Every structure is written in C-alpha cells, then in structure tokens.
Amino acid sequence: MNKSIVAGVMALALLGPSSVYAQRADADDNGAQGMQAQPQSRQTEQKRFRFGRDDMKAFADARIAGLKAGLKLTQDQEKNWPPVEQALRDIMQKRMDQRLAKRDRQKPQDAIQAIKERAEQLEERGGSLKKLADAAEPLYQSLNEAQKRRLVAMLKAGDEGLGRVAKRRGGGRG
C-alpha cells in the first residue's frame, strides 16, 4: 500500500502541474472566451508566451532537484535515489510529449474517439506509475518519519503553488 501511495503522490505532484505549462490560452473554448474579456495587453502576453519543451524540462529538473534536496538523503539513502529519479524523468518526458502532441493535433472527431485516446494515455501513465512505485519503494522504506512528512509537504506545496500560477494566467489544469 505504501508503494502505491508514494507513486500516486509523486505522480500527481510532478505530472499534474506540467499540464499548466503546456496549455495554450486559445486552445480551448474557455481560454478563448476568457481572452475576449481581457484587456488587449493581457491577450498579447498570453499569445506570445508559451512554455516549450526546454521550459518544461527545466521546471521538471528543478522540481526533481528540489525534491531530492528537501529530503536531505543520507549516504545510504542516496543509493536508492537514481532509479527514482530516472522513473520520474521518464514520466515527465512522456507527459511533455503528450502535452506537446496535444497542441499540434486536431480535436477528436467524436466523443468515442476522445475516450479511446484518453484511455490509451491512462494505460501508458499506469505503466509508468507502476515503474515509479517499484523504483521508489526501497527509497521510501529507508526514509524516516520526518523525511516522509517533508516528502508529502513538498509535493503538496509544489502542486498547489503551480495551480495558483495557472489561475493567475487564466489557465487551469487539464
């Protein structure tokens, strides 16, 4: 059970916010409506600025580095970090690829096609989460209670902070 909790918390905290960075303000109906109601300077700013692959990668790298630094791993625990880091990077890479591909492709023709596409994404994500859980289990078992509390707090704080950024920019999670 601990394994699935750790994987879920890590994945939600690290993957959920990545969608904030990959969004286009004019990509969905809500964004388009929101832009009509905003002053011209705000519209120009939103159209001009879009996170690209390098931006998303930089933020992912920073989150992983921050997570590791916040845990203050001991030398013994450090040995268990590389597989966790690699699993996180793999998940983030897949998520970035999905987000960037979503920008370029047309919307599905109908609801059934949309459901099928989403199911494929979720199956892929499920496999990635399983790999993360397997990689994180030895590290998680070696953490003391203070480190476990910090892990949850850091992941939660990072997730909430990025949500506030999206709200200010007129975006959302998705």
C-alpha atoms as a PDB file:
ATOM      1  CA  MET A   1       0.000   0.000   0.000  1.00  0.00           C
ATOM      2  CA  ASN A   2       2.835   2.420   0.846  1.00  0.00           C
ATOM      3  CA  LYS A   3       4.245   1.795  -2.603  1.00  0.00           C
ATOM      4  CA  SER A   4       1.085   2.878  -4.360  1.00  0.00           C
ATOM      5  CA  ILE A   5       0.654   5.905  -2.107  1.00  0.00           C
ATOM      6  CA  VAL A   6       4.175   7.136  -2.803  1.00  0.00           C
ATOM      7  CA  ALA A   7       3.817   6.602  -6.537  1.00  0.00           C
ATOM      8  CA  GLY A   8       0.456   8.332  -6.616  1.00  0.00           C
ATOM      9  CA  VAL A   9       1.578  11.332  -4.589  1.00  0.00           C
ATOM     10  CA  MET A  10       4.773  11.740  -6.607  1.00  0.00           C
ATOM     11  CA  ALA A  11       2.980  11.375  -9.904  1.00  0.00           C
ATOM     12  CA  LEU A  12       0.197  13.803  -9.044  1.00  0.00           C
ATOM     13  CA  ALA A  13       2.598  16.383  -7.757  1.00  0.00           C
ATOM     14  CA  LEU A  14       5.006  16.086 -10.627  1.00  0.00           C
ATOM     15  CA  LEU A  15       2.670  15.395 -13.523  1.00  0.00           C
ATOM     16  CA  GLY A  16      -0.437  17.373 -12.763  1.00  0.00           C
ATOM     17  CA  PRO A  17       1.268  20.768 -12.837  1.00  0.00           C
ATOM     18  CA  SER A  18       3.076  20.009 -16.088  1.00  0.00           C
ATOM     19  CA  SER A  19      -0.224  20.443 -17.857  1.00  0.00           C
ATOM     20  CA  VAL A  20      -0.290  24.041 -16.665  1.00  0.00           C
ATOM     21  CA  TYR A  21       2.856  24.840 -18.605  1.00  0.00           C
ATOM     22  CA  ALA A  22       1.845  23.122 -21.802  1.00  0.00           C
ATOM     23  CA  GLN A  23      -1.504  24.807 -22.214  1.00  0.00           C
ATOM     24  CA  ARG A  24      -2.286  27.333 -24.878  1.00  0.00           C
ATOM     25  CA  ALA A  25      -4.561  30.117 -23.807  1.00  0.00           C
ATOM     26  CA  ASP A  26      -6.501  29.872 -27.034  1.00  0.00           C
ATOM     27  CA  ALA A  27      -6.614  26.070 -27.265  1.00  0.00           C
ATOM     28  CA  ASP A  28      -9.976  25.515 -25.650  1.00  0.00           C
ATOM     29  CA  ASP A  29     -13.313  27.275 -25.559  1.00  0.00           C
ATOM     30  CA  ASN A  30     -12.865  28.613 -22.031  1.00  0.00           C
ATOM     31  CA  GLY A  31      -9.496  30.126 -22.892  1.00  0.00           C
ATOM     32  CA  ALA A  32     -10.869  31.783 -25.999  1.00  0.00           C
ATOM     33  CA  GLN A  33     -13.823  33.231 -24.110  1.00  0.00           C
ATOM     34  CA  GLY A  34     -11.561  34.386 -21.294  1.00  0.00           C
ATOM     35  CA  MET A  35      -9.273  36.185 -23.717  1.00  0.00           C
ATOM     36  CA  GLN A  36     -12.155  38.163 -25.225  1.00  0.00           C
ATOM     37  CA  ALA A  37     -12.951  39.600 -21.824  1.00  0.00           C
ATOM     38  CA  GLN A  38      -9.344  40.543 -21.034  1.00  0.00           C
ATOM     39  CA  PRO A  39      -7.568  43.774 -21.921  1.00  0.00           C
ATOM     40  CA  GLN A  40      -5.575  43.759 -25.173  1.00  0.00           C
ATOM     41  CA  SER A  41      -2.184  43.762 -23.395  1.00  0.00           C
ATOM     42  CA  ARG A  42      -3.117  40.599 -21.488  1.00  0.00           C
ATOM     43  CA  GLN A  43      -4.226  38.879 -24.694  1.00  0.00           C
ATOM     44  CA  THR A  44      -0.929  39.714 -26.379  1.00  0.00           C
ATOM     45  CA  GLU A  45       1.056  38.463 -23.387  1.00  0.00           C
ATOM     46  CA  GLN A  46      -0.795  35.144 -23.342  1.00  0.00           C
ATOM     47  CA  LYS A  47      -0.429  34.595 -27.070  1.00  0.00           C
ATOM     48  CA  ARG A  48       3.249  35.481 -27.031  1.00  0.00           C
ATOM     49  CA  PHE A  49       4.328  33.322 -24.095  1.00  0.00           C
ATOM     50  CA  ARG A  50       4.084  29.525 -24.295  1.00  0.00           C
ATOM     51  CA  PHE A  51       6.176  27.015 -22.453  1.00  0.00           C
ATOM     52  CA  GLY A  52       8.162  24.907 -24.866  1.00  0.00           C
ATOM     53  CA  ARG A  53       9.959  21.602 -24.374  1.00  0.00           C
ATOM     54  CA  ASP A  54      13.052  23.265 -22.887  1.00  0.00           C
ATOM     55  CA  ASP A  55      10.955  25.264 -20.425  1.00  0.00           C
ATOM     56  CA  MET A  56       9.026  22.201 -19.294  1.00  0.00           C
ATOM     57  CA  LYS A  57      12.242  20.215 -18.944  1.00  0.00           C
ATOM     58  CA  ALA A  58      13.847  22.983 -16.876  1.00  0.00           C
ATOM     59  CA  PHE A  59      10.908  23.044 -14.476  1.00  0.00           C
ATOM     60  CA  ALA A  60      10.880  19.247 -14.240  1.00  0.00           C
ATOM     61  CA  ASP A  61      14.613  19.229 -13.489  1.00  0.00           C
ATOM     62  CA  ALA A  62      14.135  21.893 -10.835  1.00  0.00           C
ATOM     63  CA  ARG A  63      11.288  20.006  -9.167  1.00  0.00           C
ATOM     64  CA  ILE A  64      13.282  16.782  -9.062  1.00  0.00           C
ATOM     65  CA  ALA A  65      16.345  18.577  -7.684  1.00  0.00           C
ATOM     66  CA  GLY A  66      14.201  20.371  -5.115  1.00  0.00           C
ATOM     67  CA  LEU A  67      12.560  17.142  -4.057  1.00  0.00           C
ATOM     68  CA  LYS A  68      15.918  15.462  -3.545  1.00  0.00           C
ATOM     69  CA  ALA A  69      17.369  18.454  -1.680  1.00  0.00           C
ATOM     70  CA  GLY A  70      14.317  18.717   0.566  1.00  0.00           C
ATOM     71  CA  LEU A  71      14.547  15.069   1.564  1.00  0.00           C
ATOM     72  CA  LYS A  72      18.129  15.530   2.802  1.00  0.00           C
ATOM     73  CA  LEU A  73      19.019  11.968   1.943  1.00  0.00           C
ATOM     74  CA  THR A  74      21.705  10.143   3.882  1.00  0.00           C
ATOM     75  CA  GLN A  75      24.550   8.402   2.054  1.00  0.00           C
ATOM     76  CA  ASP A  76      22.747   5.078   2.404  1.00  0.00           C
ATOM     77  CA  GLN A  77      19.520   6.567   1.050  1.00  0.00           C
ATOM     78  CA  GLU A  78      21.388   8.218  -1.855  1.00  0.00           C
ATOM     79  CA  LYS A  79      21.991   4.758  -3.311  1.00  0.00           C
ATOM     80  CA  ASN A  80      18.231   4.348  -3.797  1.00  0.00           C
ATOM     81  CA  TRP A  81      17.713   7.739  -5.467  1.00  0.00           C
ATOM     82  CA  PRO A  82      18.919   7.146  -9.088  1.00  0.00           C
ATOM     83  CA  PRO A  83      16.142   4.683 -10.057  1.00  0.00           C
ATOM     84  CA  VAL A  84      13.521   7.034  -8.586  1.00  0.00           C
ATOM     85  CA  GLU A  85      14.956   9.998 -10.442  1.00  0.00           C
ATOM     86  CA  GLN A  86      15.036   8.060 -13.711  1.00  0.00           C
ATOM     87  CA  ALA A  87      11.445   6.905 -13.286  1.00  0.00           C
ATOM     88  CA  LEU A  88      10.362  10.496 -12.587  1.00  0.00           C
ATOM     89  CA  ARG A  89      12.225  11.764 -15.637  1.00  0.00           C
ATOM     90  CA  ASP A  90      10.648   9.066 -17.811  1.00  0.00           C
ATOM     91  CA  ILE A  91       7.175  10.020 -16.592  1.00  0.00           C
ATOM     92  CA  MET A  92       7.804  13.703 -17.149  1.00  0.00           C
ATOM     93  CA  GLN A  93       9.202  13.075 -20.624  1.00  0.00           C
ATOM     94  CA  LYS A  94       6.132  11.093 -21.620  1.00  0.00           C
ATOM     95  CA  ARG A  95       3.879  13.775 -20.162  1.00  0.00           C
ATOM     96  CA  MET A  96       5.705  16.522 -22.058  1.00  0.00           C
ATOM     97  CA  ASP A  97       5.443  14.533 -25.270  1.00  0.00           C
ATOM     98  CA  GLN A  98       1.704  14.059 -24.725  1.00  0.00           C
ATOM     99  CA  ARG A  99       1.147  17.750 -23.985  1.00  0.00           C
ATOM    100  CA  LEU A 100       3.136  18.959 -26.955  1.00  0.00           C
ATOM    101  CA  ALA A 101       1.431  16.451 -29.248  1.00  0.00           C
ATOM    102  CA  LYS A 102      -1.943  17.641 -27.961  1.00  0.00           C
ATOM    103  CA  ARG A 103      -1.081  21.169 -29.081  1.00  0.00           C
ATOM    104  CA  ASP A 104      -0.470  20.035 -32.639  1.00  0.00           C
ATOM    105  CA  ARG A 105      -3.248  17.540 -33.249  1.00  0.00           C
ATOM    106  CA  GLN A 106      -6.838  18.282 -34.028  1.00  0.00           C
ATOM    107  CA  LYS A 107      -9.586  17.545 -31.575  1.00  0.00           C
ATOM    108  CA  PRO A 108     -11.101  14.061 -31.886  1.00  0.00           C
ATOM    109  CA  GLN A 109     -13.997  13.751 -34.313  1.00  0.00           C
ATOM    110  CA  ASP A 110     -16.404  12.429 -31.711  1.00  0.00           C
ATOM    111  CA  ALA A 111     -16.744  11.572 -28.046  1.00  0.00           C
ATOM    112  CA  ILE A 112     -15.920   7.892 -28.540  1.00  0.00           C
ATOM    113  CA  GLN A 113     -12.615   8.700 -30.237  1.00  0.00           C
ATOM    114  CA  ALA A 114     -11.795  11.126 -27.430  1.00  0.00           C
ATOM    115  CA  ILE A 115     -12.498   8.437 -24.831  1.00  0.00           C
ATOM    116  CA  LYS A 116     -10.295   5.953 -26.678  1.00  0.00           C
ATOM    117  CA  GLU A 117      -7.429   8.442 -26.878  1.00  0.00           C
ATOM    118  CA  ARG A 118      -7.739   9.243 -23.184  1.00  0.00           C
ATOM    119  CA  ALA A 119      -7.826   5.520 -22.309  1.00  0.00           C
ATOM    120  CA  GLU A 120      -4.570   4.980 -24.190  1.00  0.00           C
ATOM    121  CA  GLN A 121      -2.948   7.847 -22.303  1.00  0.00           C
ATOM    122  CA  LEU A 122      -4.143   6.480 -18.971  1.00  0.00           C
ATOM    123  CA  GLU A 123      -2.888   2.975 -19.757  1.00  0.00           C
ATOM    124  CA  GLU A 124       0.526   4.381 -20.591  1.00  0.00           C
ATOM    125  CA  ARG A 125       0.533   6.500 -17.444  1.00  0.00           C
ATOM    126  CA  GLY A 126      -0.484   3.493 -15.354  1.00  0.00           C
ATOM    127  CA  GLY A 127       2.518   1.532 -16.598  1.00  0.00           C
ATOM    128  CA  SER A 128       4.802   4.470 -15.821  1.00  0.00           C
ATOM    129  CA  LEU A 129       3.358   4.793 -12.320  1.00  0.00           C
ATOM    130  CA  LYS A 130       3.958   1.100 -11.682  1.00  0.00           C
ATOM    131  CA  LYS A 131       7.613   1.572 -12.656  1.00  0.00           C
ATOM    132  CA  LEU A 132       7.830   4.598 -10.364  1.00  0.00           C
ATOM    133  CA  ALA A 133       6.283   2.676  -7.467  1.00  0.00           C
ATOM    134  CA  ASP A 134       8.747  -0.189  -7.940  1.00  0.00           C
ATOM    135  CA  ALA A 135      11.682   2.227  -8.130  1.00  0.00           C
ATOM    136  CA  ALA A 136      10.536   4.341  -5.157  1.00  0.00           C
ATOM    137  CA  GLU A 137       9.740   1.516  -2.749  1.00  0.00           C
ATOM    138  CA  PRO A 138      13.302   0.916  -1.471  1.00  0.00           C
ATOM    139  CA  LEU A 139      13.891   4.644  -1.023  1.00  0.00           C
ATOM    140  CA  TYR A 140      10.566   5.210   0.709  1.00  0.00           C
ATOM    141  CA  GLN A 141      11.185   2.316   3.095  1.00  0.00           C
ATOM    142  CA  SER A 142      14.517   3.885   4.075  1.00  0.00           C
ATOM    143  CA  LEU A 143      13.052   7.335   4.843  1.00  0.00           C
ATOM    144  CA  ASN A 144      12.493   8.330   8.431  1.00  0.00           C
ATOM    145  CA  GLU A 145       9.188   9.846   9.540  1.00  0.00           C
ATOM    146  CA  ALA A 146      10.429  13.427   9.189  1.00  0.00           C
ATOM    147  CA  GLN A 147      11.541  12.770   5.608  1.00  0.00           C
ATOM    148  CA  LYS A 148       8.199  11.168   4.782  1.00  0.00           C
ATOM    149  CA  ARG A 149       6.364  14.215   6.146  1.00  0.00           C
ATOM    150  CA  ARG A 150       8.626  16.553   4.161  1.00  0.00           C
ATOM    151  CA  LEU A 151       8.059  14.493   1.016  1.00  0.00           C
ATOM    152  CA  VAL A 152       4.302  14.864   1.256  1.00  0.00           C
ATOM    153  CA  ALA A 153       4.544  18.552   2.203  1.00  0.00           C
ATOM    154  CA  MET A 154       6.925  19.384  -0.662  1.00  0.00           C
ATOM    155  CA  LEU A 155       4.844  17.584  -3.238  1.00  0.00           C
ATOM    156  CA  LYS A 156       1.643  19.181  -1.987  1.00  0.00           C
ATOM    157  CA  ALA A 157       3.158  22.678  -1.775  1.00  0.00           C
ATOM    158  CA  GLY A 158       4.611  22.426  -5.273  1.00  0.00           C
ATOM    159  CA  ASP A 159       1.326  21.269  -6.709  1.00  0.00           C
ATOM    160  CA  GLU A 160      -0.713  23.997  -5.029  1.00  0.00           C
ATOM    161  CA  GLY A 161       1.786  26.708  -5.938  1.00  0.00           C
ATOM    162  CA  LEU A 162       1.677  25.830  -9.595  1.00  0.00           C
ATOM    163  CA  GLY A 163      -2.094  25.772  -9.508  1.00  0.00           C
ATOM    164  CA  ARG A 164      -2.090  29.368  -8.296  1.00  0.00           C
ATOM    165  CA  VAL A 165       0.227  30.342 -11.156  1.00  0.00           C
ATOM    166  CA  ALA A 166      -2.188  28.805 -13.661  1.00  0.00           C
ATOM    167  CA  LYS A 167      -5.137  30.602 -12.102  1.00  0.00           C
ATOM    168  CA  ARG A 168      -3.392  33.965 -12.371  1.00  0.00           C
ATOM    169  CA  ARG A 169      -2.572  33.290 -16.028  1.00  0.00           C
ATOM    170  CA  GLY A 170      -6.191  32.405 -16.765  1.00  0.00           C
ATOM    171  CA  GLY A 171      -5.422  28.740 -17.341  1.00  0.00           C
ATOM    172  CA  GLY A 172      -6.232  25.664 -15.401  1.00  0.00           C
ATOM    173  CA  ARG A 173      -5.298  22.079 -15.024  1.00  0.00           C
ATOM    174  CA  GLY A 174      -6.054  19.754 -17.796  1.00  0.00           C
END
